[in-house]
Amino acid sequence: MSAPLPNALRARFKACLEEGLSGRAAAARLMLSPATGSRWARAIRQHGDAAPAPPGRPRGRGKLVPHQAFLEELVAQDPDITLHELRDALAMAEGVKVHHSSIAALLKRLGFSRQKDRWWPPNSTAPA
């Protein structure tokens, strides 16, 4: 993905709009596409500026967050459980089909760590 257009260009665009030009006319003056001009003009009308959006996918809850407690309970019952077994248990109990790496990412975000075929709970000490 390419980098966003510079803020200086966005400021010049805003100045063109303040002169009374339409979004398409300001885009033509600055040699931008008409679609970019109308999108920036709408952003300036709504938010006061046309700042670039943050890169990447928007942060969300995800598919597994509603089943977080279920997965934590399974790991607490059997720390030796594999990701494939977690995936299959989730599919059977809740009807949710996900890739096993998604479960691993959720457990990692929750603070669990995988050490020698066991899922250790967050902030726990290693057994003696």
Protein backbone atom coordinates (compact mmCIF):
# COMPACT_ATOMS: atom_id res chain seq x y z
CA MET A 1 0.00 0.00 0.00
CA SER A 2 1.33 3.41 -0.87
CA ALA A 3 1.91 6.20 1.61
CA PRO A 4 -0.85 8.79 2.12
CA LEU A 5 -0.59 12.07 0.27
CA PRO A 6 1.26 14.75 2.26
CA ASN A 7 -0.47 17.00 4.76
CA ALA A 8 0.86 20.08 2.95
CA LEU A 9 -1.16 19.07 -0.12
CA ARG A 10 -4.19 18.55 2.06
CA ALA A 11 -3.73 22.05 3.54
CA ARG A 12 -3.49 23.54 0.03
CA PHE A 13 -6.65 21.68 -0.90
CA LYS A 14 -8.44 23.10 2.14
CA ALA A 15 -7.27 26.60 1.17
CA CYS A 16 -8.75 26.09 -2.31
CA LEU A 17 -12.06 25.12 -0.76
CA GLU A 18 -11.98 28.25 1.42
CA GLU A 19 -11.50 30.31 -1.77
CA GLY A 20 -14.83 28.96 -2.94
CA LEU A 21 -13.81 26.18 -5.29
CA SER A 22 -15.70 22.91 -5.32
CA GLY A 23 -13.96 19.68 -4.35
CA ARG A 24 -13.64 18.61 -7.99
CA ALA A 25 -12.32 22.01 -9.08
CA ALA A 26 -9.78 22.09 -6.24
CA ALA A 27 -8.70 18.56 -7.15
CA ALA A 28 -8.24 19.57 -10.80
CA ARG A 29 -6.15 22.60 -9.77
CA LEU A 30 -3.88 20.42 -7.60
CA MET A 31 -3.83 17.56 -10.15
CA LEU A 32 -5.64 15.09 -7.94
CA SER A 33 -8.33 12.66 -9.00
CA PRO A 34 -11.93 13.91 -8.79
CA ALA A 35 -12.75 11.06 -6.39
CA THR A 36 -9.99 12.18 -4.02
CA GLY A 37 -11.22 15.76 -4.25
CA SER A 38 -14.79 14.86 -3.36
CA ARG A 39 -13.65 12.54 -0.55
CA TRP A 40 -11.37 15.21 0.95
CA ALA A 41 -14.04 17.90 0.58
CA ARG A 42 -16.54 15.71 2.44
CA ALA A 43 -13.96 15.03 5.19
CA ILE A 44 -13.26 18.77 5.55
CA ARG A 45 -16.98 19.56 5.78
CA GLN A 46 -17.55 16.86 8.39
CA HIS A 47 -14.35 16.99 10.46
CA GLY A 48 -12.66 20.27 9.61
CA ASP A 49 -9.63 18.64 8.00
CA ALA A 50 -8.73 15.83 5.61
CA ALA A 51 -6.25 13.94 7.76
CA PRO A 52 -5.25 10.53 6.45
CA ALA A 53 -6.93 7.51 8.01
CA PRO A 54 -4.75 5.23 10.11
CA PRO A 55 -3.25 2.42 8.03
CA GLY A 56 -4.49 -1.13 8.22
CA ARG A 57 -7.68 -2.80 9.22
CA PRO A 58 -9.73 -1.07 11.92
CA ARG A 59 -9.33 -2.56 15.36
CA GLY A 60 -12.35 -4.56 16.33
CA ARG A 61 -13.60 -7.11 18.74
CA GLY A 62 -13.01 -10.08 16.52
CA LYS A 63 -14.86 -13.31 16.06
CA LEU A 64 -13.42 -15.03 19.12
CA VAL A 65 -13.94 -12.40 21.82
CA PRO A 66 -17.46 -13.63 22.72
CA HIS A 67 -15.95 -17.11 23.24
CA GLN A 68 -12.94 -15.97 25.25
CA ALA A 69 -14.22 -17.34 28.57
CA PHE A 70 -14.96 -20.71 26.98
CA LEU A 71 -11.41 -20.98 25.61
CA GLU A 72 -9.87 -19.89 28.92
CA GLU A 73 -11.90 -22.53 30.74
CA LEU A 74 -10.73 -25.25 28.34
CA VAL A 75 -7.10 -24.24 28.82
CA ALA A 76 -7.55 -24.13 32.60
CA GLN A 77 -9.01 -27.65 32.59
CA ASP A 78 -6.25 -29.07 30.40
CA PRO A 79 -3.08 -26.99 29.89
CA ASP A 80 -1.78 -29.66 27.49
CA ILE A 81 -4.63 -29.08 25.03
CA THR A 82 -3.53 -28.41 21.46
CA LEU A 83 -4.74 -25.61 19.24
CA HIS A 84 -6.44 -28.10 16.95
CA GLU A 85 -8.32 -29.58 19.91
CA LEU A 86 -9.35 -26.09 21.01
CA ARG A 87 -10.55 -25.34 17.49
CA ASP A 88 -12.56 -28.56 17.32
CA ALA A 89 -14.07 -28.05 20.79
CA LEU A 90 -15.14 -24.52 19.85
CA ALA A 91 -16.71 -25.77 16.63
CA MET A 92 -18.62 -28.53 18.44
CA ALA A 93 -19.78 -26.49 21.43
CA GLU A 94 -20.41 -23.07 19.91
CA GLY A 95 -20.64 -23.77 16.16
CA VAL A 96 -17.83 -21.31 15.42
CA LYS A 97 -15.30 -22.31 12.76
CA VAL A 98 -11.96 -20.52 12.97
CA HIS A 99 -8.35 -21.25 12.10
CA HIS A 100 -6.22 -22.55 14.93
CA SER A 101 -3.78 -19.64 14.53
CA SER A 102 -6.62 -17.24 15.42
CA ILE A 103 -7.04 -19.06 18.71
CA ALA A 104 -3.29 -18.86 19.32
CA ALA A 105 -3.35 -15.11 18.66
CA LEU A 106 -6.23 -14.61 21.10
CA LEU A 107 -4.50 -16.62 23.83
CA LYS A 108 -1.28 -14.69 23.27
CA ARG A 109 -3.18 -11.38 23.52
CA LEU A 110 -4.67 -12.59 26.79
CA GLY A 111 -1.20 -13.18 28.19
CA PHE A 112 -0.97 -16.95 27.86
CA SER A 113 2.37 -18.31 26.76
CA ARG A 114 3.15 -21.60 25.11
CA GLN A 115 6.04 -23.37 26.83
CA LYS A 116 6.95 -26.98 26.20
CA ASP A 117 3.52 -28.21 25.12
CA ARG A 118 1.58 -26.35 27.82
CA TRP A 119 -0.40 -23.15 27.90
CA TRP A 120 0.67 -21.23 30.98
CA PRO A 121 -1.82 -18.71 32.34
CA PRO A 122 -0.79 -15.07 32.44
CA ASN A 123 1.39 -13.93 35.35
CA SER A 124 1.92 -17.44 36.62
CA THR A 125 5.19 -18.80 37.86
CA ALA A 126 6.84 -21.87 36.43
CA PRO A 127 6.33 -25.08 38.41
CA ALA A 128 9.10 -26.05 40.76
